C-alpha atoms as a PDB file:
ATOM      1  CA  MET A   1     -75.842-129.421  55.029  1.00  0.00           C
ATOM      2  CA  SER A   2     -78.345-127.560  52.887  1.00  0.00           C
ATOM      3  CA  LYS A   3     -77.256-124.982  50.343  1.00  0.00           C
ATOM      4  CA  ALA A   4     -79.041-122.312  52.395  1.00  0.00           C
ATOM      5  CA  ALA A   5     -76.909-123.119  55.445  1.00  0.00           C
ATOM      6  CA  HIS A   6     -73.583-122.111  53.920  1.00  0.00           C
ATOM      7  CA  ARG A   7     -72.061-119.841  51.320  1.00  0.00           C
ATOM      8  CA  LEU A   8     -69.359-120.347  48.757  1.00  0.00           C
ATOM      9  CA  TRP A   9     -66.595-117.836  48.404  1.00  0.00           C
ATOM     10  CA  TYR A  10     -64.656-117.797  45.138  1.00  0.00           C
ATOM     11  CA  GLN A  11     -61.123-116.527  45.162  1.00  0.00           C
ATOM     12  CA  GLN A  12     -58.844-115.966  42.175  1.00  0.00           C
ATOM     13  CA  ASN A  13     -55.429-117.580  42.714  1.00  0.00           C
ATOM     14  CA  GLU A  14     -52.172-116.103  41.418  1.00  0.00           C
ATOM     15  CA  ASP A  15     -52.053-118.711  38.639  1.00  0.00           C
ATOM     16  CA  ASN A  16     -55.478-117.473  37.420  1.00  0.00           C
ATOM     17  CA  THR A  17     -57.349-120.544  38.665  1.00  0.00           C
ATOM     18  CA  SER A  18     -60.367-120.404  40.916  1.00  0.00           C
ATOM     19  CA  LYS A  19     -60.450-121.722  44.448  1.00  0.00           C
ATOM     20  CA  THR A  20     -63.683-122.395  46.342  1.00  0.00           C
ATOM     21  CA  THR A  21     -63.874-121.883  50.084  1.00  0.00           C
ATOM     22  CA  MET A  22     -66.860-122.856  52.188  1.00  0.00           C
ATOM     23  CA  ILE A  23     -68.121-120.231  54.637  1.00  0.00           C
ATOM     24  CA  TYR A  24     -70.321-121.508  57.442  1.00  0.00           C
ATOM     25  CA  PRO A  25     -71.928-118.808  59.589  1.00  0.00           C
ATOM     26  CA  LEU A  26     -71.949-119.874  63.231  1.00  0.00           C
ATOM     27  CA  VAL A  27     -73.362-118.016  66.189  1.00  0.00           C
ATOM     28  CA  THR A  28     -72.238-119.434  69.515  1.00  0.00           C
ATOM     29  CA  SER A  29     -70.710-118.605  72.842  1.00  0.00           C
ATOM     30  CA  ALA A  30     -67.010-117.934  72.439  1.00  0.00           C
ATOM     31  CA  ALA A  31     -66.447-119.543  75.832  1.00  0.00           C
ATOM     32  CA  HIS A  32     -67.616-122.946  74.560  1.00  0.00           C
ATOM     33  CA  LEU A  33     -66.948-123.131  70.837  1.00  0.00           C
ATOM     34  CA  PRO A  34     -68.403-126.355  69.399  1.00  0.00           C
ATOM     35  CA  LEU A  35     -65.419-126.878  67.090  1.00  0.00           C
ATOM     36  CA  ARG A  36     -62.440-129.223  66.930  1.00  0.00           C
ATOM     37  CA  ALA A  37     -59.005-127.804  67.667  1.00  0.00           C
ATOM     38  CA  HIS A  38     -57.293-126.239  64.629  1.00  0.00           C
ATOM     39  CA  SER A  39     -60.384-126.916  62.473  1.00  0.00           C
ATOM     40  CA  ILE A  40     -61.172-123.489  60.991  1.00  0.00           C
ATOM     41  CA  THR A  41     -59.272-120.832  59.068  1.00  0.00           C
ATOM     42  CA  GLY A  42     -61.084-117.702  60.202  1.00  0.00           C
ATOM     43  CA  ILE A  43     -63.122-116.161  62.996  1.00  0.00           C
ATOM     44  CA  SER A  44     -64.941-112.849  63.006  1.00  0.00           C
ATOM     45  CA  SER A  45     -65.903-111.360  66.346  1.00  0.00           C
ATOM     46  CA  ILE A  46     -68.219-108.380  66.050  1.00  0.00           C
ATOM     47  CA  PHE A  47     -68.863-106.414  69.251  1.00  0.00           C
ATOM     48  CA  SER A  48     -68.339-109.644  71.202  1.00  0.00           C
ATOM     49  CA  PRO A  49     -66.142-110.780  74.076  1.00  0.00           C
ATOM     50  CA  ILE A  50     -62.591-111.662  73.082  1.00  0.00           C
ATOM     51  CA  LEU A  51     -61.235-115.000  74.318  1.00  0.00           C
ATOM     52  CA  PRO A  52     -57.688-115.320  72.931  1.00  0.00           C
ATOM     53  CA  ALA A  53     -56.936-118.900  74.042  1.00  0.00           C
ATOM     54  CA  ALA A  54     -60.309-120.261  72.833  1.00  0.00           C
ATOM     55  CA  PHE A  55     -59.924-118.550  69.455  1.00  0.00           C
ATOM     56  CA  ALA A  56     -56.323-119.749  69.056  1.00  0.00           C
ATOM     57  CA  ASP A  57     -57.348-123.296  69.939  1.00  0.00           C
ATOM     58  CA  VAL A  58     -59.912-123.661  67.138  1.00  0.00           C
ATOM     59  CA  LEU A  59     -57.967-121.753  64.480  1.00  0.00           C
ATOM     60  CA  ALA A  60     -55.660-123.600  62.131  1.00  0.00           C
ATOM     61  CA  ASP A  61     -52.030-122.499  61.996  1.00  0.00           C
ATOM     62  CA  ASP A  62     -51.879-119.125  60.231  1.00  0.00           C
ATOM     63  CA  GLY A  63     -55.664-118.735  60.696  1.00  0.00           C
ATOM     64  CA  TYR A  64     -57.168-115.262  60.810  1.00  0.00           C
ATOM     65  CA  LEU A  65     -59.117-113.406  63.477  1.00  0.00           C
ATOM     66  CA  ILE A  66     -61.140-110.344  62.457  1.00  0.00           C
ATOM     67  CA  ILE A  67     -62.465-108.226  65.299  1.00  0.00           C
ATOM     68  CA  ALA A  68     -64.842-105.256  65.057  1.00  0.00           C
ATOM     69  CA  LYS A  69     -65.188-102.979  68.078  1.00  0.00           C
ATOM     70  CA  PRO A  70     -66.653 -99.511  68.709  1.00  0.00           C
ATOM     71  CA  ASP A  71     -64.022 -96.826  68.184  1.00  0.00           C
ATOM     72  CA  VAL A  72     -63.419 -93.623  70.118  1.00  0.00           C
ATOM     73  CA  GLY A  73     -66.403 -91.335  69.531  1.00  0.00           C
ATOM     74  CA  HIS A  74     -68.834 -94.132  68.569  1.00  0.00           C
ATOM     75  CA  LEU A  75     -72.407 -92.826  69.024  1.00  0.00           C
ATOM     76  CA  VAL A  76     -71.041 -90.114  71.295  1.00  0.00           C
ATOM     77  CA  THR A  77     -73.974 -87.703  70.897  1.00  0.00           C
ATOM     78  CA  MET A  78     -76.395 -90.482  71.794  1.00  0.00           C
ATOM     79  CA  ARG A  79     -74.314 -91.466  74.826  1.00  0.00           C
ATOM     80  CA  ASP A  80     -74.048 -87.796  75.884  1.00  0.00           C
ATOM     81  CA  ALA A  81     -77.846 -87.528  75.801  1.00  0.00           C
ATOM     82  CA  LEU A  82     -78.337 -90.731  77.803  1.00  0.00           C
ATOM     83  CA  PHE A  83     -75.640 -90.595  80.470  1.00  0.00           C
ATOM     84  CA  ASP A  84     -74.280 -87.978  82.869  1.00  0.00           C
ATOM     85  CA  ASP A  85     -70.808 -89.536  82.845  1.00  0.00           C
ATOM     86  CA  VAL A  86     -69.724 -90.781  79.403  1.00  0.00           C
ATOM     87  CA  ARG A  87     -66.692 -93.054  79.294  1.00  0.00           C
ATOM     88  CA  GLU A  88     -64.813 -93.223  76.028  1.00  0.00           C
ATOM     89  CA  HIS A  89     -64.361 -96.583  74.301  1.00  0.00           C
ATOM     90  CA  ASP A  90     -60.908 -98.145  74.699  1.00  0.00           C
ATOM     91  CA  SER A  91     -60.905-100.243  71.551  1.00  0.00           C
ATOM     92  CA  ASP A  92     -57.298-101.439  71.889  1.00  0.00           C
ATOM     93  CA  LYS A  93     -57.530-102.700  75.476  1.00  0.00           C
ATOM     94  CA  PHE A  94     -57.697-106.387  74.487  1.00  0.00           C
ATOM     95  CA  LEU A  95     -54.700-106.344  72.106  1.00  0.00           C
ATOM     96  CA  GLN A  96     -52.259-107.101  74.940  1.00  0.00           C
ATOM     97  CA  GLU A  97     -54.225-110.266  75.780  1.00  0.00           C
ATOM     98  CA  LEU A  98     -54.116-111.361  72.129  1.00  0.00           C
ATOM     99  CA  ALA A  99     -50.358-110.774  71.723  1.00  0.00           C
ATOM    100  CA  PRO A 100     -49.190-114.241  72.845  1.00  0.00           C
ATOM    101  CA  TYR A 101     -51.573-115.909  70.370  1.00  0.00           C
ATOM    102  CA  PHE A 102     -51.964-113.488  67.462  1.00  0.00           C
ATOM    103  CA  THR A 103     -50.021-110.990  65.383  1.00  0.00           C
ATOM    104  CA  LEU A 104     -51.803-107.762  64.466  1.00  0.00           C
ATOM    105  CA  LEU A 105     -51.606-107.367  60.671  1.00  0.00           C
ATOM    106  CA  ASN A 106     -53.735-104.291  60.109  1.00  0.00           C
ATOM    107  CA  THR A 107     -56.238-101.922  61.654  1.00  0.00           C
ATOM    108  CA  TYR A 108     -59.036-100.137  59.813  1.00  0.00           C
ATOM    109  CA  ASN A 109     -61.117 -97.250  61.135  1.00  0.00           C
ATOM    110  CA  VAL A 110     -64.594 -96.971  59.660  1.00  0.00           C
ATOM    111  CA  SER A 111     -67.108 -94.226  60.363  1.00  0.00           C
ATOM    112  CA  THR A 112     -70.360 -92.919  59.004  1.00  0.00           C
ATOM    113  CA  GLU A 113     -72.636 -90.024  59.819  1.00  0.00           C
ATOM    114  CA  LEU A 114     -76.141 -91.020  60.900  1.00  0.00           C
ATOM    115  CA  ARG A 115     -79.287 -88.871  60.753  1.00  0.00           C
ATOM    116  CA  LEU A 116     -81.968 -90.877  62.483  1.00  0.00           C
ATOM    117  CA  SER A 117     -85.721 -90.528  62.747  1.00  0.00           C
ATOM    118  CA  ALA A 118     -87.331 -91.333  66.100  1.00  0.00           C
ATOM    119  CA  ASP A 119     -88.154 -94.868  64.896  1.00  0.00           C
ATOM    120  CA  ASP A 120     -84.604 -95.417  63.633  1.00  0.00           C
ATOM    121  CA  LEU A 121     -83.125 -94.090  66.870  1.00  0.00           C
ATOM    122  CA  ALA A 122     -85.420 -96.368  68.897  1.00  0.00           C
ATOM    123  CA  ASP A 123     -84.243 -99.333  66.808  1.00  0.00           C
ATOM    124  CA  LEU A 124     -80.592 -98.352  67.292  1.00  0.00           C
ATOM    125  CA  LEU A 125     -81.090 -97.995  71.042  1.00  0.00           C
ATOM    126  CA  THR A 126     -82.564-101.498  71.132  1.00  0.00           C
ATOM    127  CA  MET A 127     -79.411-102.885  69.494  1.00  0.00           C
ATOM    128  CA  THR A 128     -77.107-101.389  72.122  1.00  0.00           C
ATOM    129  CA  PRO A 129     -76.504-101.961  75.828  1.00  0.00           C
ATOM    130  CA  TYR A 130     -77.820 -98.420  76.314  1.00  0.00           C
ATOM    131  CA  ALA A 131     -81.342 -99.865  76.056  1.00  0.00           C
ATOM    132  CA  TYR A 132     -81.000-101.266  79.579  1.00  0.00           C
ATOM    133  CA  ARG A 133     -78.138 -99.190  81.012  1.00  0.00           C
ATOM    134  CA  ALA A 134     -79.683 -95.764  80.492  1.00  0.00           C
ATOM    135  CA  HIS A 135     -82.427 -94.513  82.803  1.00  0.00           C
ATOM    136  CA  THR A 136     -85.899 -94.760  81.299  1.00  0.00           C
ATOM    137  CA  GLU A 137     -86.444 -91.000  81.682  1.00  0.00           C
ATOM    138  CA  LYS A 138     -83.280 -90.231  79.689  1.00  0.00           C
ATOM    139  CA  ARG A 139     -84.279 -92.629  76.878  1.00  0.00           C
ATOM    140  CA  GLN A 140     -87.786 -91.156  76.700  1.00  0.00           C
ATOM    141  CA  ALA A 141     -86.447 -87.580  76.704  1.00  0.00           C
ATOM    142  CA  LEU A 142     -84.065 -88.392  73.853  1.00  0.00           C
ATOM    143  CA  LEU A 143     -86.799 -90.018  71.780  1.00  0.00           C
ATOM    144  CA  ALA A 144     -89.158 -87.104  72.456  1.00  0.00           C
ATOM    145  CA  LEU A 145     -86.497 -84.664  71.274  1.00  0.00           C
ATOM    146  CA  VAL A 146     -86.161 -86.565  68.000  1.00  0.00           C
ATOM    147  CA  ALA A 147     -89.913 -86.581  67.352  1.00  0.00           C
ATOM    148  CA  THR A 148     -89.605 -83.244  65.515  1.00  0.00           C
ATOM    149  CA  GLU A 149     -86.072 -83.320  64.126  1.00  0.00           C
ATOM    150  CA  LYS A 150     -83.691 -86.060  62.986  1.00  0.00           C
ATOM    151  CA  PHE A 151     -80.968 -87.047  65.429  1.00  0.00           C
ATOM    152  CA  ALA A 152     -77.364 -86.729  64.242  1.00  0.00           C
ATOM    153  CA  THR A 153     -74.638 -88.998  65.504  1.00  0.00           C
ATOM    154  CA  LYS A 154     -71.629 -90.828  64.156  1.00  0.00           C
ATOM    155  CA  ALA A 155     -71.038 -94.578  64.103  1.00  0.00           C
ATOM    156  CA  LYS A 156     -67.310 -95.274  64.463  1.00  0.00           C
ATOM    157  CA  PHE A 157     -65.743 -98.710  64.386  1.00  0.00           C
ATOM    158  CA  VAL A 158     -62.253-100.140  64.447  1.00  0.00           C
ATOM    159  CA  ILE A 159     -61.571-103.408  62.651  1.00  0.00           C
ATOM    160  CA  TYR A 160     -58.533-105.480  63.549  1.00  0.00           C
ATOM    161  CA  ILE A 161     -57.053-108.125  61.261  1.00  0.00           C
ATOM    162  CA  LEU A 162     -54.913-110.611  63.189  1.00  0.00           C
ATOM    163  CA  GLN A 163     -53.188-113.840  62.290  1.00  0.00           C
ATOM    164  CA  LYS A 164     -52.547-116.753  64.598  1.00  0.00           C
ATOM    165  CA  THR A 165     -48.959-116.934  65.779  1.00  0.00           C
ATOM    166  CA  THR A 166     -47.553-120.233  64.549  1.00  0.00           C
ATOM    167  CA  ASN A 167     -44.982-120.759  67.329  1.00  0.00           C
ATOM    168  CA  LEU A 168     -47.546-121.809  69.954  1.00  0.00           C
END
Protein backbone atom coordinates (compact mmCIF):
# COMPACT_ATOMS: atom_id res chain seq x y z
CA MET A 1 0.00 0.00 0.00
CA SER A 2 1.34 3.42 -0.92
CA LYS A 3 2.11 6.03 1.71
CA ALA A 4 -0.67 8.20 0.26
CA ALA A 5 -3.24 5.45 0.87
CA HIS A 6 -2.94 5.43 4.66
CA ARG A 7 -2.04 7.62 7.59
CA LEU A 8 -0.02 7.01 10.70
CA TRP A 9 -1.37 8.01 14.06
CA TYR A 10 1.12 8.45 16.90
CA GLN A 11 -0.07 7.95 20.42
CA GLN A 12 1.87 8.57 23.63
CA ASN A 13 1.65 5.57 25.98
CA GLU A 14 1.53 5.87 29.77
CA ASP A 15 5.17 4.74 30.00
CA ASN A 16 6.16 7.69 27.76
CA THR A 17 6.87 5.52 24.72
CA SER A 18 5.34 6.07 21.32
CA LYS A 19 2.95 3.69 19.64
CA THR A 20 2.16 3.81 15.92
CA THR A 21 -1.28 2.89 14.65
CA MET A 22 -2.15 2.58 10.98
CA ILE A 23 -5.33 4.33 9.85
CA TYR A 24 -6.78 3.17 6.55
CA PRO A 25 -9.68 5.25 5.24
CA LEU A 26 -12.30 3.00 3.66
CA VAL A 27 -15.52 4.01 1.98
CA THR A 28 -17.87 1.09 1.41
CA SER A 29 -21.38 -0.15 1.91
CA ALA A 30 -21.94 -1.05 5.54
CA ALA A 31 -24.17 -3.90 4.39
CA HIS A 32 -21.24 -5.69 2.72
CA LEU A 33 -18.05 -4.72 4.52
CA PRO A 34 -15.03 -6.18 2.71
CA LEU A 35 -13.26 -7.01 5.97
CA ARG A 36 -12.45 -10.15 7.95
CA ALA A 37 -14.32 -10.76 11.19
CA HIS A 38 -12.73 -9.06 14.22
CA SER A 39 -10.06 -7.46 12.00
CA ILE A 40 -10.32 -3.75 12.86
CA THR A 41 -10.25 -1.66 16.03
CA GLY A 42 -12.45 1.25 15.01
CA ILE A 43 -15.28 2.32 12.73
CA SER A 44 -16.61 5.81 12.15
CA SER A 45 -20.05 6.17 10.63
CA ILE A 46 -20.88 9.72 9.60
CA PHE A 47 -24.48 10.39 8.55
CA SER A 48 -24.68 6.78 7.36
CA PRO A 49 -26.95 3.80 7.98
CA ILE A 50 -26.23 1.93 11.20
CA LEU A 51 -25.89 -1.86 10.95
CA PRO A 52 -25.10 -3.12 14.47
CA ALA A 53 -24.44 -6.79 13.64
CA ALA A 54 -22.21 -5.99 10.63
CA PHE A 55 -20.19 -3.47 12.65
CA ALA A 56 -19.83 -5.85 15.61
CA ASP A 57 -18.72 -8.65 13.30
CA VAL A 58 -15.72 -6.78 11.85
CA LEU A 59 -14.67 -5.04 15.07
CA ALA A 60 -12.12 -6.65 17.34
CA ASP A 61 -13.10 -7.27 20.95
CA ASP A 62 -13.24 -3.90 22.73
CA GLY A 63 -13.23 -2.12 19.33
CA TYR A 64 -14.78 1.32 19.04
CA LEU A 65 -17.66 2.66 16.99
CA ILE A 66 -17.95 6.43 16.49
CA ILE A 67 -21.21 7.65 15.01
CA ALA A 68 -22.07 11.20 13.90
CA LYS A 69 -25.71 12.06 13.28
CA PRO A 70 -27.70 15.28 12.85
CA ASP A 71 -28.97 16.55 16.20
CA VAL A 72 -32.28 18.17 17.08
CA GLY A 73 -32.41 21.55 15.34
CA HIS A 74 -29.84 20.68 12.63
CA LEU A 75 -30.30 23.11 9.71
CA VAL A 76 -33.79 23.88 11.00
CA THR A 77 -34.15 27.27 9.28
CA MET A 78 -33.19 25.70 5.96
CA ARG A 79 -35.66 22.84 6.48
CA ASP A 80 -38.38 25.32 7.50
CA ALA A 81 -37.84 27.21 4.24
CA LEU A 82 -37.94 24.04 2.13
CA PHE A 83 -40.73 21.97 3.67
CA ASP A 84 -44.27 22.61 4.88
CA ASP A 85 -44.04 19.85 7.49
CA VAL A 86 -40.65 19.68 9.22
CA ARG A 87 -39.93 16.55 11.25
CA GLU A 88 -37.34 16.85 13.97
CA HIS A 89 -34.30 14.56 13.91
CA ASP A 90 -34.43 11.64 16.35
CA SER A 91 -30.70 11.12 16.77
CA ASP A 92 -30.98 8.46 19.48
CA LYS A 93 -33.42 6.16 17.67
CA PHE A 94 -30.76 3.60 16.71
CA LEU A 95 -29.20 3.25 20.19
CA GLN A 96 -31.66 0.49 21.17
CA GLU A 97 -30.54 -1.57 18.15
CA LEU A 98 -26.89 -1.12 19.14
CA ALA A 99 -27.42 -2.10 22.80
CA PRO A 100 -26.89 -5.87 22.38
CA TYR A 101 -23.57 -5.26 20.58
CA PHE A 102 -22.18 -2.01 21.97
CA THR A 103 -21.91 -0.01 25.17
CA LEU A 104 -22.40 3.75 24.90
CA LEU A 105 -19.36 5.43 26.48
CA ASN A 106 -20.03 9.08 25.74
CA THR A 107 -22.11 11.51 23.73
CA TYR A 108 -20.95 14.88 22.42
CA ASN A 109 -23.15 17.63 21.03
CA VAL A 110 -21.47 19.92 18.53
CA SER A 111 -23.01 22.98 16.91
CA THR A 112 -21.96 25.97 14.89
CA GLU A 113 -23.70 29.01 13.49
CA LEU A 114 -23.60 29.30 9.70
CA ARG A 115 -24.01 32.47 7.62
CA LEU A 116 -24.11 31.32 4.03
CA SER A 117 -23.91 33.13 0.72
CA ALA A 118 -26.16 31.89 -2.09
CA ASP A 119 -23.28 29.81 -3.52
CA ASP A 120 -22.49 28.31 -0.11
CA LEU A 121 -26.15 27.52 0.53
CA ALA A 122 -26.43 25.88 -2.91
CA ASP A 123 -23.38 23.74 -2.08
CA LEU A 124 -24.85 22.79 1.31
CA LEU A 125 -28.17 21.86 -0.29
CA THR A 126 -26.32 19.60 -2.72
CA MET A 127 -24.73 17.73 0.20
CA THR A 128 -28.08 16.96 1.83
CA PRO A 129 -31.09 14.82 0.93
CA TYR A 130 -33.02 18.10 0.70
CA ALA A 131 -31.54 18.53 -2.79
CA TYR A 132 -33.95 15.90 -4.12
CA ARG A 133 -36.64 15.81 -1.41
CA ALA A 134 -37.60 19.48 -1.54
CA HIS A 135 -39.77 20.81 -4.37
CA THR A 136 -37.80 22.68 -7.02
CA GLU A 137 -39.87 25.84 -6.47
CA LYS A 138 -39.02 25.86 -2.74
CA ARG A 139 -35.29 25.40 -3.43
CA GLN A 140 -35.29 28.19 -6.02
CA ALA A 141 -37.24 30.53 -3.72
CA LEU A 142 -34.77 29.93 -0.90
CA LEU A 143 -31.76 30.57 -3.13
CA ALA A 144 -33.39 33.71 -4.55
CA LEU A 145 -33.97 35.01 -1.03
CA VAL A 146 -30.28 34.56 -0.21
CA ALA A 147 -29.13 36.41 -3.33
CA THR A 148 -29.21 39.71 -1.40
CA GLU A 149 -28.53 38.65 2.19
CA LYS A 150 -26.60 35.81 3.83
CA PHE A 151 -28.66 32.90 5.12
CA ALA A 152 -28.36 32.06 8.82
CA THR A 153 -28.78 28.55 10.11
CA LYS A 154 -27.20 26.27 12.67
CA ALA A 155 -25.44 22.97 12.04
CA LYS A 156 -26.00 20.65 15.02
CA PHE A 157 -24.51 17.19 15.37
CA VAL A 158 -24.43 14.50 18.00
CA ILE A 159 -21.41 12.21 18.20
CA TYR A 160 -21.65 8.87 19.95
CA ILE A 161 -18.64 6.94 21.21
CA LEU A 162 -19.43 3.24 21.69
CA GLN A 163 -17.37 0.20 22.52
CA LYS A 164 -18.04 -3.34 21.40
CA THR A 165 -19.54 -5.48 24.13
CA THR A 166 -17.10 -8.32 24.77
CA ASN A 167 -19.65 -10.91 25.95
CA LEU A 168 -21.00 -11.67 22.46
